[in-house]
């Protein structure tokens, strides 16, 4: 039977090659440069993490965020106390929140009461966007729509009962 140290290519009288802490730090911070004996750490693959675009003109998107990813279907729920809902799949729900973002392949069917709505996909139902409604070129919105301010890019579509909120309705919640 082989001794463990000789099995792994070392002899018992030799010390294993261990990089210093400084060399390991340099090797981990400079991916292209390798020092002799530096530890080869695998890089993190970020390609599968969802990429979300922030709400237009909104810098404070911190807080609670719910992301419904692609190929996810969520039906018959009430969403509350969520600062930002990002829809990449399909949702049938009622929602009271600060912001909703519907991605190009996302779809929301139901009732929404938000401050800001940014639509790149499909919305159908009843929406109240108290501050701003943004419909991008790929966005499709239909139903009973109420908004504070609205921006529709060329190619974006709206249909249904659409009206601006008066100043009292914009501030009340």
Protein backbone atom coordinates (compact mmCIF):
# COMPACT_ATOMS: atom_id res chain seq x y z
CA UNK A 1 0.00 0.00 0.00
CA UNK A 2 1.26 3.47 -0.87
CA UNK A 3 1.75 6.13 1.72
CA UNK A 4 -0.54 9.10 1.32
CA UNK A 5 2.24 11.66 0.82
CA UNK A 6 3.97 9.68 -1.90
CA UNK A 7 0.68 8.87 -3.57
CA UNK A 8 0.03 12.58 -4.13
CA UNK A 9 3.50 13.18 -5.55
CA UNK A 10 5.27 14.34 -2.41
CA UNK A 11 7.84 12.64 -0.33
CA UNK A 12 7.51 12.71 3.47
CA UNK A 13 10.69 14.74 3.98
CA UNK A 14 9.65 17.64 1.66
CA UNK A 15 7.30 20.45 2.57
CA UNK A 16 4.42 20.96 0.15
CA UNK A 17 4.55 24.04 -2.12
CA UNK A 18 2.18 26.52 -0.52
CA UNK A 19 1.95 30.02 -1.97
CA UNK A 20 2.26 32.92 0.42
CA UNK A 21 -0.89 34.86 1.31
CA UNK A 22 0.33 37.86 -0.70
CA UNK A 23 0.99 35.71 -3.79
CA UNK A 24 -2.47 34.13 -3.50
CA UNK A 25 -4.07 37.58 -3.22
CA UNK A 26 -2.22 38.83 -6.29
CA UNK A 27 -3.16 35.70 -8.24
CA UNK A 28 -6.83 36.07 -7.35
CA UNK A 29 -6.99 39.78 -8.20
CA UNK A 30 -5.04 39.65 -11.46
CA UNK A 31 -6.63 36.92 -13.58
CA UNK A 32 -4.22 37.26 -16.50
CA UNK A 33 -1.04 37.14 -14.42
CA UNK A 34 0.07 34.00 -12.66
CA UNK A 35 2.95 33.75 -10.30
CA UNK A 36 4.74 30.44 -9.82
CA UNK A 37 2.94 28.34 -7.24
CA UNK A 38 -0.16 30.53 -7.30
CA UNK A 39 -3.47 28.90 -6.58
CA UNK A 40 -5.64 28.44 -9.65
CA UNK A 41 -9.13 29.42 -8.49
CA UNK A 42 -12.04 28.96 -10.88
CA UNK A 43 -13.83 32.12 -11.93
CA UNK A 44 -17.49 32.62 -11.08
CA UNK A 45 -19.87 32.12 -14.02
CA UNK A 46 -22.31 35.05 -14.00
CA UNK A 47 -23.90 34.14 -17.33
CA UNK A 48 -26.90 32.48 -15.69
CA UNK A 49 -27.75 35.32 -13.33
CA UNK A 50 -30.79 37.36 -14.36
CA UNK A 51 -30.05 40.76 -15.80
CA UNK A 52 -32.59 43.39 -14.94
CA UNK A 53 -32.70 46.93 -16.12
CA UNK A 54 -33.51 49.60 -13.54
CA UNK A 55 -36.74 51.53 -13.72
CA UNK A 56 -36.29 54.56 -15.97
CA UNK A 57 -35.43 57.63 -13.93
CA UNK A 58 -35.47 55.73 -10.66
CA UNK A 59 -32.22 55.59 -8.75
CA UNK A 60 -33.59 54.16 -5.49
CA UNK A 61 -34.59 50.66 -6.60
CA UNK A 62 -33.10 49.14 -3.45
CA UNK A 63 -35.48 47.38 -1.15
CA UNK A 64 -37.53 44.27 -1.64
CA UNK A 65 -37.51 42.94 -5.17
CA UNK A 66 -39.33 39.93 -6.58
CA UNK A 67 -38.11 38.50 -9.87
CA UNK A 68 -40.36 36.02 -11.66
CA UNK A 69 -37.94 34.45 -14.12
CA UNK A 70 -38.48 33.15 -17.64
CA UNK A 71 -40.66 30.03 -17.96
CA UNK A 72 -42.20 30.67 -14.51
CA UNK A 73 -45.98 30.94 -14.26
CA UNK A 74 -47.51 32.48 -11.15
CA UNK A 75 -51.30 32.40 -10.88
CA UNK A 76 -53.91 33.58 -8.39
CA UNK A 77 -51.75 35.51 -5.92
CA UNK A 78 -51.77 38.86 -4.17
CA UNK A 79 -48.41 40.62 -4.19
CA UNK A 80 -47.91 43.25 -1.49
CA UNK A 81 -44.99 45.01 0.23
CA UNK A 82 -42.75 44.43 -2.77
CA UNK A 83 -40.81 47.51 -3.84
CA UNK A 84 -40.12 46.24 -7.36
CA UNK A 85 -41.66 43.34 -9.25
CA UNK A 86 -39.70 42.16 -12.29
CA UNK A 87 -41.76 39.96 -14.62
CA UNK A 88 -39.83 37.77 -17.06
CA UNK A 89 -42.39 34.94 -17.01
CA UNK A 90 -46.21 35.00 -16.72
CA UNK A 91 -48.23 36.30 -13.79
CA UNK A 92 -51.96 36.40 -13.07
CA UNK A 93 -52.27 38.40 -9.86
CA UNK A 94 -53.32 41.45 -7.92
CA UNK A 95 -50.50 43.74 -6.89
CA UNK A 96 -49.95 46.85 -4.77
CA UNK A 97 -46.33 47.97 -4.95
CA UNK A 98 -43.94 50.80 -5.81
CA UNK A 99 -42.79 49.61 -9.23
CA UNK A 100 -43.38 46.94 -11.83
CA UNK A 101 -41.07 46.05 -14.71
CA UNK A 102 -42.32 43.69 -17.39
CA UNK A 103 -39.54 42.29 -19.60
CA UNK A 104 -39.96 41.71 -23.36
CA UNK A 105 -41.03 38.08 -22.89
CA UNK A 106 -42.95 38.79 -19.67
CA UNK A 107 -46.72 38.99 -19.31
CA UNK A 108 -48.92 40.25 -16.48
CA UNK A 109 -52.67 39.77 -16.34
CA UNK A 110 -54.60 41.24 -13.44
CA UNK A 111 -54.84 44.36 -11.31
CA UNK A 112 -51.85 46.58 -10.54
CA UNK A 113 -51.59 49.66 -8.30
CA UNK A 114 -48.05 51.10 -8.49
CA UNK A 115 -46.12 54.36 -8.56
CA UNK A 116 -44.08 53.48 -11.67
CA UNK A 117 -44.77 50.92 -14.40
CA UNK A 118 -42.25 50.07 -17.11
CA UNK A 119 -43.61 47.77 -19.80
CA UNK A 120 -41.48 45.99 -22.40
CA UNK A 121 -43.74 42.93 -22.61
CA UNK A 122 -47.51 42.47 -22.26
CA UNK A 123 -49.92 43.81 -19.67
CA UNK A 124 -53.66 43.25 -19.67
CA UNK A 125 -56.09 44.14 -16.94
CA UNK A 126 -56.47 47.12 -14.66
CA UNK A 127 -53.46 49.36 -14.02
CA UNK A 128 -52.98 52.50 -11.95
CA UNK A 129 -49.51 54.02 -12.37
CA UNK A 130 -49.67 57.04 -10.06
CA UNK A 131 -46.40 58.71 -11.08
CA UNK A 132 -45.28 57.34 -14.43
CA UNK A 133 -46.17 54.75 -17.07
CA UNK A 134 -43.46 53.91 -19.61
CA UNK A 135 -44.33 51.69 -22.57
CA UNK A 136 -41.31 50.69 -24.61
CA UNK A 137 -41.35 49.85 -28.34
CA UNK A 138 -42.01 46.16 -27.63
CA UNK A 139 -44.65 46.88 -24.95
CA UNK A 140 -48.36 46.05 -25.28
CA UNK A 141 -50.84 47.40 -22.71
CA UNK A 142 -54.59 46.82 -22.71
CA UNK A 143 -57.44 47.27 -20.26
CA UNK A 144 -58.42 50.02 -17.83
CA UNK A 145 -55.31 52.20 -17.56
CA UNK A 146 -54.85 55.22 -15.25
CA UNK A 147 -51.55 57.13 -15.13
CA UNK A 148 -49.89 60.24 -13.71
CA UNK A 149 -47.45 60.81 -16.58
CA UNK A 150 -47.01 58.61 -19.62
CA UNK A 151 -44.30 57.91 -22.17
CA UNK A 152 -44.97 55.62 -25.13
CA UNK A 153 -42.04 54.86 -27.42
CA UNK A 154 -42.61 54.45 -31.14
CA UNK A 155 -43.97 50.96 -31.66
CA UNK A 156 -45.50 50.64 -28.19
CA UNK A 157 -49.23 49.88 -28.10
CA UNK A 158 -52.09 50.87 -25.77
CA UNK A 159 -55.76 49.99 -26.00
CA UNK A 160 -58.79 50.13 -23.73
CA UNK A 161 -60.12 52.69 -21.24
CA UNK A 162 -57.15 55.05 -20.84
CA UNK A 163 -57.16 58.26 -18.78
CA UNK A 164 -54.82 60.53 -16.85
CA UNK A 165 -55.16 60.78 -13.08
CA UNK A 166 -56.00 64.14 -11.56
CA UNK A 167 -53.44 65.57 -9.05
CA UNK A 168 -55.48 64.36 -6.01
CA UNK A 169 -55.56 60.77 -7.32
CA UNK A 170 -51.80 60.83 -8.02
CA UNK A 171 -50.94 61.60 -4.39
CA UNK A 172 -53.57 59.44 -2.62
CA UNK A 173 -52.93 55.82 -1.88
